[in-house]
N, C-alpha and C. Protein backbone atom coordinates (compact mmCIF):
# COMPACT_ATOMS: atom_id res chain seq x y z
N UNK A 1 -0.33 -12.98 41.82
CA UNK A 1 -0.92 -12.30 40.68
C UNK A 1 -2.02 -13.18 40.10
N UNK A 2 -3.12 -12.57 39.73
CA UNK A 2 -4.25 -13.28 39.18
C UNK A 2 -3.97 -13.66 37.73
N UNK A 3 -4.22 -14.93 37.35
CA UNK A 3 -3.99 -15.31 35.96
C UNK A 3 -4.97 -14.58 35.04
N UNK A 4 -4.50 -14.27 33.84
CA UNK A 4 -5.32 -13.59 32.85
C UNK A 4 -5.97 -14.64 31.96
N UNK A 5 -7.27 -14.52 31.81
CA UNK A 5 -7.98 -15.42 30.91
C UNK A 5 -8.66 -14.57 29.85
N UNK A 6 -8.86 -15.16 28.71
CA UNK A 6 -9.57 -14.44 27.66
C UNK A 6 -10.66 -15.34 27.12
N UNK A 7 -11.72 -14.71 26.70
CA UNK A 7 -12.83 -15.43 26.13
C UNK A 7 -12.72 -15.31 24.62
N UNK A 8 -12.74 -16.45 23.97
CA UNK A 8 -12.75 -16.45 22.52
C UNK A 8 -14.20 -16.38 22.09
N UNK A 9 -14.49 -15.44 21.17
CA UNK A 9 -15.87 -15.23 20.75
C UNK A 9 -16.05 -15.58 19.29
N UNK A 10 -17.25 -15.95 18.96
CA UNK A 10 -17.62 -16.29 17.58
C UNK A 10 -17.45 -15.06 16.70
N UNK A 11 -16.83 -15.25 15.56
CA UNK A 11 -16.60 -14.13 14.65
C UNK A 11 -17.88 -13.65 13.98
N UNK A 12 -18.93 -14.45 14.05
CA UNK A 12 -20.19 -14.08 13.40
C UNK A 12 -21.20 -13.51 14.38
N UNK A 13 -21.50 -14.27 15.44
CA UNK A 13 -22.57 -13.82 16.36
C UNK A 13 -22.04 -13.24 17.67
N UNK A 14 -20.75 -13.42 17.95
CA UNK A 14 -20.16 -12.85 19.15
C UNK A 14 -20.33 -13.67 20.41
N UNK A 15 -20.95 -14.84 20.32
CA UNK A 15 -21.14 -15.69 21.49
C UNK A 15 -19.79 -16.26 21.94
N UNK A 16 -19.67 -16.52 23.24
CA UNK A 16 -18.43 -17.15 23.70
C UNK A 16 -18.31 -18.56 23.14
N UNK A 17 -17.11 -18.89 22.71
CA UNK A 17 -16.86 -20.23 22.17
C UNK A 17 -16.28 -21.13 23.25
N UNK A 18 -16.49 -22.42 23.12
CA UNK A 18 -15.89 -23.33 24.09
C UNK A 18 -14.37 -23.30 23.95
N UNK A 19 -13.67 -23.53 25.05
CA UNK A 19 -12.21 -23.57 25.02
C UNK A 19 -11.77 -24.74 24.13
N UNK A 20 -10.96 -24.46 23.13
CA UNK A 20 -10.51 -25.55 22.26
C UNK A 20 -9.43 -26.37 22.94
N UNK A 21 -9.32 -27.61 22.54
CA UNK A 21 -8.25 -28.44 23.06
C UNK A 21 -6.97 -28.13 22.29
N UNK A 22 -5.84 -28.51 22.83
CA UNK A 22 -4.55 -28.23 22.20
C UNK A 22 -4.52 -28.75 20.77
N UNK A 23 -4.00 -27.95 19.87
CA UNK A 23 -3.87 -28.36 18.48
C UNK A 23 -5.11 -28.15 17.65
N UNK A 24 -6.19 -27.67 18.25
CA UNK A 24 -7.44 -27.43 17.51
C UNK A 24 -7.44 -25.98 17.04
N UNK A 25 -7.66 -25.77 15.76
CA UNK A 25 -7.63 -24.42 15.20
C UNK A 25 -8.96 -24.01 14.58
N UNK A 26 -9.95 -24.89 14.66
CA UNK A 26 -11.29 -24.56 14.15
C UNK A 26 -12.31 -25.01 15.19
N UNK A 27 -13.24 -24.11 15.50
CA UNK A 27 -14.28 -24.41 16.49
C UNK A 27 -15.61 -23.94 15.91
N UNK A 28 -16.61 -24.81 15.99
CA UNK A 28 -17.96 -24.42 15.56
C UNK A 28 -18.68 -23.75 16.72
N UNK A 29 -19.34 -22.65 16.42
CA UNK A 29 -20.11 -21.95 17.45
C UNK A 29 -21.31 -22.82 17.81
N UNK A 30 -21.55 -23.06 19.10
CA UNK A 30 -22.69 -23.88 19.48
C UNK A 30 -24.03 -23.18 19.28
N UNK A 31 -24.00 -21.87 19.01
CA UNK A 31 -25.25 -21.11 18.87
C UNK A 31 -25.64 -20.88 17.41
N UNK A 32 -24.68 -20.42 16.60
CA UNK A 32 -25.04 -20.13 15.20
C UNK A 32 -24.43 -21.14 14.22
N UNK A 33 -23.62 -22.03 14.71
CA UNK A 33 -22.97 -23.13 13.98
C UNK A 33 -21.90 -22.69 12.98
N UNK A 34 -21.54 -21.41 12.96
CA UNK A 34 -20.48 -20.92 12.07
C UNK A 34 -19.14 -21.50 12.54
N UNK A 35 -18.33 -21.91 11.57
CA UNK A 35 -16.98 -22.39 11.89
C UNK A 35 -16.06 -21.18 12.09
N UNK A 36 -15.34 -21.17 13.20
CA UNK A 36 -14.41 -20.10 13.54
C UNK A 36 -12.98 -20.64 13.48
N UNK A 37 -12.10 -19.88 12.81
CA UNK A 37 -10.68 -20.25 12.79
C UNK A 37 -10.01 -19.57 13.98
N UNK A 38 -9.27 -20.33 14.72
CA UNK A 38 -8.53 -19.78 15.85
C UNK A 38 -7.07 -19.69 15.43
N UNK A 39 -6.48 -18.52 15.59
CA UNK A 39 -5.13 -18.30 15.14
C UNK A 39 -4.21 -17.93 16.30
N UNK A 40 -2.94 -18.30 16.16
CA UNK A 40 -1.95 -17.83 17.12
C UNK A 40 -1.77 -16.34 16.89
N UNK A 41 -1.11 -15.67 17.82
CA UNK A 41 -0.90 -14.22 17.67
C UNK A 41 -0.13 -13.93 16.38
N UNK A 42 0.86 -14.75 16.06
CA UNK A 42 1.65 -14.54 14.85
C UNK A 42 0.79 -14.76 13.60
N UNK A 43 -0.01 -15.81 13.62
CA UNK A 43 -0.88 -16.09 12.48
C UNK A 43 -1.92 -15.00 12.32
N UNK A 44 -2.45 -14.51 13.43
CA UNK A 44 -3.43 -13.43 13.38
C UNK A 44 -2.81 -12.17 12.78
N UNK A 45 -1.58 -11.83 13.19
CA UNK A 45 -0.89 -10.66 12.64
C UNK A 45 -0.65 -10.82 11.14
N UNK A 46 -0.25 -12.01 10.72
CA UNK A 46 -0.02 -12.27 9.30
C UNK A 46 -1.34 -12.17 8.52
N UNK A 47 -2.40 -12.70 9.10
CA UNK A 47 -3.71 -12.62 8.47
C UNK A 47 -4.16 -11.17 8.34
N UNK A 48 -3.96 -10.39 9.38
CA UNK A 48 -4.35 -8.97 9.36
C UNK A 48 -3.56 -8.22 8.30
N UNK A 49 -2.25 -8.48 8.21
CA UNK A 49 -1.43 -7.83 7.19
C UNK A 49 -1.91 -8.23 5.80
N UNK A 50 -2.25 -9.49 5.64
CA UNK A 50 -2.76 -9.98 4.35
C UNK A 50 -4.05 -9.25 3.97
N UNK A 51 -4.95 -9.08 4.90
CA UNK A 51 -6.22 -8.39 4.63
C UNK A 51 -5.97 -6.91 4.31
N UNK A 52 -5.05 -6.29 5.02
CA UNK A 52 -4.71 -4.89 4.77
C UNK A 52 -4.13 -4.72 3.38
N UNK A 53 -3.21 -5.60 3.01
CA UNK A 53 -2.60 -5.54 1.68
C UNK A 53 -3.63 -5.78 0.58
N UNK A 54 -4.53 -6.71 0.83
CA UNK A 54 -5.58 -7.00 -0.15
C UNK A 54 -6.45 -5.76 -0.37
N UNK A 55 -6.84 -5.11 0.69
CA UNK A 55 -7.66 -3.91 0.60
C UNK A 55 -6.91 -2.79 -0.12
N UNK A 56 -5.64 -2.60 0.22
CA UNK A 56 -4.83 -1.56 -0.43
C UNK A 56 -4.66 -1.85 -1.91
N UNK A 57 -4.50 -3.11 -2.27
CA UNK A 57 -4.36 -3.49 -3.68
C UNK A 57 -5.65 -3.21 -4.44
N UNK A 58 -6.79 -3.49 -3.82
CA UNK A 58 -8.07 -3.20 -4.47
C UNK A 58 -8.25 -1.70 -4.69
N UNK A 59 -7.85 -0.90 -3.72
CA UNK A 59 -7.91 0.56 -3.86
C UNK A 59 -6.95 1.02 -4.96
N UNK A 60 -5.85 0.29 -5.12
CA UNK A 60 -4.85 0.65 -6.12
C UNK A 60 -5.38 0.67 -7.53
N UNK A 61 -6.38 -0.15 -7.83
CA UNK A 61 -6.96 -0.16 -9.18
C UNK A 61 -7.55 1.20 -9.54
N UNK A 62 -8.23 1.82 -8.60
CA UNK A 62 -8.77 3.16 -8.83
C UNK A 62 -7.67 4.20 -8.93
N UNK A 63 -6.64 4.02 -8.15
CA UNK A 63 -5.52 4.96 -8.17
C UNK A 63 -4.81 4.89 -9.53
N UNK A 64 -4.69 3.71 -10.10
CA UNK A 64 -4.06 3.56 -11.41
C UNK A 64 -4.80 4.40 -12.44
N UNK A 65 -6.10 4.35 -12.43
CA UNK A 65 -6.90 5.13 -13.39
C UNK A 65 -6.71 6.63 -13.18
N UNK A 66 -6.78 7.07 -11.93
CA UNK A 66 -6.59 8.49 -11.63
C UNK A 66 -5.20 8.95 -12.01
N UNK A 67 -4.21 8.13 -11.70
CA UNK A 67 -2.82 8.49 -12.00
C UNK A 67 -2.58 8.58 -13.50
N UNK A 68 -3.22 7.72 -14.27
CA UNK A 68 -3.05 7.77 -15.72
C UNK A 68 -3.63 9.06 -16.29
N UNK A 69 -4.77 9.47 -15.80
CA UNK A 69 -5.35 10.75 -16.25
C UNK A 69 -4.43 11.92 -15.89
N UNK A 70 -3.92 11.90 -14.68
CA UNK A 70 -3.01 12.97 -14.25
C UNK A 70 -1.71 12.92 -15.04
N UNK A 71 -1.21 11.73 -15.34
CA UNK A 71 0.02 11.58 -16.11
C UNK A 71 -0.17 12.19 -17.51
N UNK A 72 -1.34 11.97 -18.10
CA UNK A 72 -1.62 12.53 -19.42
C UNK A 72 -1.64 14.06 -19.38
N UNK A 73 -2.23 14.62 -18.32
CA UNK A 73 -2.23 16.08 -18.17
C UNK A 73 -0.80 16.61 -18.04
N UNK A 74 -0.01 15.92 -17.23
CA UNK A 74 1.38 16.34 -17.03
C UNK A 74 2.19 16.22 -18.31
N UNK A 75 1.90 15.22 -19.11
CA UNK A 75 2.58 15.04 -20.40
C UNK A 75 2.34 16.27 -21.28
N UNK A 76 1.09 16.70 -21.35
CA UNK A 76 0.76 17.89 -22.14
C UNK A 76 1.45 19.13 -21.58
N UNK A 77 1.47 19.25 -20.26
CA UNK A 77 2.13 20.39 -19.63
C UNK A 77 3.63 20.35 -19.89
N UNK A 78 4.21 19.17 -19.85
CA UNK A 78 5.64 19.00 -20.13
C UNK A 78 5.95 19.46 -21.55
N UNK A 79 5.16 19.00 -22.50
CA UNK A 79 5.38 19.37 -23.91
C UNK A 79 5.26 20.88 -24.08
N UNK A 80 4.26 21.49 -23.43
CA UNK A 80 4.10 22.94 -23.51
C UNK A 80 5.28 23.68 -22.90
N UNK A 81 5.76 23.20 -21.77
CA UNK A 81 6.90 23.84 -21.12
C UNK A 81 8.16 23.73 -21.99
N UNK A 82 8.37 22.59 -22.60
CA UNK A 82 9.53 22.44 -23.49
C UNK A 82 9.44 23.39 -24.68
N UNK A 83 8.26 23.50 -25.27
CA UNK A 83 8.07 24.40 -26.41
C UNK A 83 8.29 25.86 -26.02
N UNK A 84 7.92 26.19 -24.78
CA UNK A 84 8.08 27.56 -24.30
C UNK A 84 9.47 27.82 -23.74
N UNK A 85 10.32 26.79 -23.70
CA UNK A 85 11.67 26.96 -23.16
C UNK A 85 11.72 27.03 -21.65
N UNK A 86 10.67 26.60 -20.99
CA UNK A 86 10.62 26.63 -19.52
C UNK A 86 11.17 25.31 -18.97
N UNK A 87 12.49 25.27 -18.88
CA UNK A 87 13.17 24.02 -18.54
C UNK A 87 12.86 23.53 -17.13
N UNK A 88 12.83 24.45 -16.15
CA UNK A 88 12.54 24.03 -14.77
C UNK A 88 11.15 23.42 -14.65
N UNK A 89 10.19 24.05 -15.31
CA UNK A 89 8.83 23.53 -15.29
C UNK A 89 8.77 22.17 -15.98
N UNK A 90 9.48 22.05 -17.09
CA UNK A 90 9.49 20.77 -17.81
C UNK A 90 10.04 19.65 -16.92
N UNK A 91 11.10 19.94 -16.19
CA UNK A 91 11.70 18.93 -15.31
C UNK A 91 10.71 18.56 -14.20
N UNK A 92 10.04 19.57 -13.65
CA UNK A 92 9.05 19.32 -12.59
C UNK A 92 7.90 18.46 -13.11
N UNK A 93 7.41 18.74 -14.31
CA UNK A 93 6.33 17.94 -14.89
C UNK A 93 6.80 16.52 -15.20
N UNK A 94 8.05 16.42 -15.65
CA UNK A 94 8.61 15.09 -15.91
C UNK A 94 8.63 14.27 -14.62
N UNK A 95 9.07 14.88 -13.54
CA UNK A 95 9.08 14.16 -12.26
C UNK A 95 7.67 13.79 -11.84
N UNK A 96 6.71 14.67 -12.06
CA UNK A 96 5.32 14.36 -11.74
C UNK A 96 4.82 13.16 -12.52
N UNK A 97 5.19 13.11 -13.80
CA UNK A 97 4.78 11.96 -14.62
C UNK A 97 5.35 10.66 -14.06
N UNK A 98 6.63 10.71 -13.66
CA UNK A 98 7.24 9.51 -13.08
C UNK A 98 6.53 9.11 -11.79
N UNK A 99 6.22 10.09 -10.98
CA UNK A 99 5.56 9.79 -9.70
C UNK A 99 4.17 9.20 -9.93
N UNK A 100 3.48 9.63 -10.98
CA UNK A 100 2.18 9.04 -11.30
C UNK A 100 2.34 7.56 -11.68
N UNK A 101 3.47 7.22 -12.28
CA UNK A 101 3.72 5.82 -12.64
C UNK A 101 3.83 4.94 -11.40
N UNK A 102 4.26 5.52 -10.30
CA UNK A 102 4.44 4.77 -9.06
C UNK A 102 3.30 4.97 -8.05
N UNK A 103 2.27 5.73 -8.40
CA UNK A 103 1.24 6.11 -7.43
C UNK A 103 0.57 4.92 -6.75
N UNK A 104 0.19 3.91 -7.52
CA UNK A 104 -0.48 2.75 -6.91
C UNK A 104 0.48 1.97 -6.02
N UNK A 105 1.73 1.87 -6.44
CA UNK A 105 2.73 1.16 -5.63
C UNK A 105 2.96 1.90 -4.32
N UNK A 106 3.09 3.21 -4.40
CA UNK A 106 3.28 4.01 -3.18
C UNK A 106 2.08 3.85 -2.25
N UNK A 107 0.88 3.86 -2.81
CA UNK A 107 -0.32 3.66 -1.99
C UNK A 107 -0.27 2.31 -1.28
N UNK A 108 0.10 1.28 -2.00
CA UNK A 108 0.20 -0.06 -1.41
C UNK A 108 1.20 -0.08 -0.27
N UNK A 109 2.36 0.51 -0.50
CA UNK A 109 3.38 0.55 0.56
C UNK A 109 2.91 1.35 1.77
N UNK A 110 2.32 2.52 1.52
CA UNK A 110 1.93 3.38 2.64
C UNK A 110 0.71 2.87 3.38
N UNK A 111 -0.20 2.20 2.68
CA UNK A 111 -1.44 1.74 3.31
C UNK A 111 -1.35 0.32 3.84
N UNK A 112 -0.51 -0.49 3.23
CA UNK A 112 -0.53 -1.91 3.56
C UNK A 112 0.65 -2.44 4.34
N UNK A 113 1.75 -1.72 4.33
CA UNK A 113 2.94 -2.24 4.99
C UNK A 113 3.29 -1.43 6.23
N UNK A 114 3.87 -2.09 7.21
CA UNK A 114 4.37 -1.34 8.37
C UNK A 114 5.47 -0.38 7.92
N UNK A 115 5.60 0.77 8.58
CA UNK A 115 6.60 1.78 8.16
C UNK A 115 8.02 1.24 8.02
N UNK A 116 8.40 0.31 8.87
CA UNK A 116 9.77 -0.21 8.79
C UNK A 116 10.03 -0.97 7.49
N UNK A 117 8.98 -1.42 6.84
CA UNK A 117 9.11 -2.09 5.54
C UNK A 117 8.85 -1.11 4.39
N UNK A 118 7.92 -0.20 4.60
CA UNK A 118 7.52 0.72 3.54
C UNK A 118 8.59 1.77 3.26
N UNK A 119 9.16 2.35 4.31
CA UNK A 119 10.09 3.47 4.12
C UNK A 119 11.30 3.12 3.25
N UNK A 120 11.96 1.98 3.46
CA UNK A 120 13.09 1.67 2.57
C UNK A 120 12.66 1.53 1.11
N UNK A 121 11.49 0.97 0.88
CA UNK A 121 10.99 0.83 -0.50
C UNK A 121 10.67 2.20 -1.09
N UNK A 122 10.07 3.07 -0.31
CA UNK A 122 9.74 4.41 -0.80
C UNK A 122 11.01 5.21 -1.08
N UNK A 123 12.03 5.06 -0.26
CA UNK A 123 13.31 5.74 -0.50
C UNK A 123 13.94 5.23 -1.79
N UNK A 124 13.81 3.95 -2.05
CA UNK A 124 14.36 3.40 -3.28
C UNK A 124 13.63 3.98 -4.50
N UNK A 125 12.32 4.12 -4.41
CA UNK A 125 11.56 4.75 -5.50
C UNK A 125 12.05 6.18 -5.70
N UNK A 126 12.24 6.93 -4.60
CA UNK A 126 12.73 8.30 -4.70
C UNK A 126 14.10 8.35 -5.38
N UNK A 127 14.97 7.41 -5.06
CA UNK A 127 16.30 7.38 -5.67
C UNK A 127 16.21 7.13 -7.18
N UNK A 128 15.37 6.19 -7.58
CA UNK A 128 15.20 5.88 -9.01
C UNK A 128 14.63 7.09 -9.74
N UNK A 129 13.63 7.71 -9.17
CA UNK A 129 13.03 8.90 -9.79
C UNK A 129 14.06 10.02 -9.84
N UNK A 130 14.79 10.21 -8.76
CA UNK A 130 15.80 11.27 -8.72
C UNK A 130 16.84 11.12 -9.82
N UNK A 131 17.30 9.90 -10.04
CA UNK A 131 18.28 9.65 -11.10
C UNK A 131 17.69 9.95 -12.48
N UNK A 132 16.47 9.51 -12.71
CA UNK A 132 15.82 9.76 -14.00
C UNK A 132 15.61 11.26 -14.22
N UNK A 133 15.24 11.99 -13.17
CA UNK A 133 15.03 13.43 -13.28
C UNK A 133 16.35 14.14 -13.59
N UNK A 134 17.43 13.73 -12.93
CA UNK A 134 18.73 14.34 -13.21
C UNK A 134 19.15 14.10 -14.66
N UNK A 135 18.91 12.89 -15.15
CA UNK A 135 19.24 12.57 -16.55
C UNK A 135 18.41 13.41 -17.51
N UNK A 136 17.12 13.54 -17.24
CA UNK A 136 16.24 14.35 -18.09
C UNK A 136 16.68 15.81 -18.06
N UNK A 137 16.99 16.32 -16.88
CA UNK A 137 17.41 17.72 -16.74
C UNK A 137 18.67 17.97 -17.57
N UNK A 138 19.60 17.04 -17.52
CA UNK A 138 20.81 17.19 -18.34
C UNK A 138 20.47 17.21 -19.83
N UNK A 139 19.53 16.36 -20.22
CA UNK A 139 19.15 16.29 -21.63
C UNK A 139 18.51 17.58 -22.13
N UNK A 140 17.82 18.30 -21.25
CA UNK A 140 17.20 19.56 -21.68
C UNK A 140 18.12 20.75 -21.38
N UNK A 141 19.34 20.46 -20.91
CA UNK A 141 20.33 21.52 -20.69
C UNK A 141 20.18 22.25 -19.38
N UNK A 142 19.71 21.56 -18.35
CA UNK A 142 19.54 22.18 -17.05
C UNK A 142 20.34 21.40 -16.03
N UNK A 143 21.18 22.07 -15.28
CA UNK A 143 21.97 21.43 -14.24
C UNK A 143 21.24 21.53 -12.91
N UNK A 144 21.00 20.37 -12.29
CA UNK A 144 20.36 20.40 -10.96
C UNK A 144 21.19 19.62 -9.96
């Protein structure tokens, strides 16, 4: 079987980099002089996850603002439903308000974490919301 070789390329200009010696994790490109970090597969995966989480967290700031606006709308709808005696609608709006509170967190989990890590966390959020919704429903006299 033919051995597999790979060419390490400069992260800036794409030129092939010289083979590093054992234990060397930084190599300067001989063409553009940019310093390149060389990572093990595990370190590269961790770095990629870190970058993904960073990006998702930055997007989360915008989601927080959108969710707050939507939460305010749902609050008004909840109050209107309670005044009109529409208990099912009130419970639904209450759950929507809770979900808006978690919107940025859910985005972070869904965008930044592998499913095997995100799903248990999302299920836990669902359980917490479910309990709060059941308590609220009981308080307004609705059995669910």
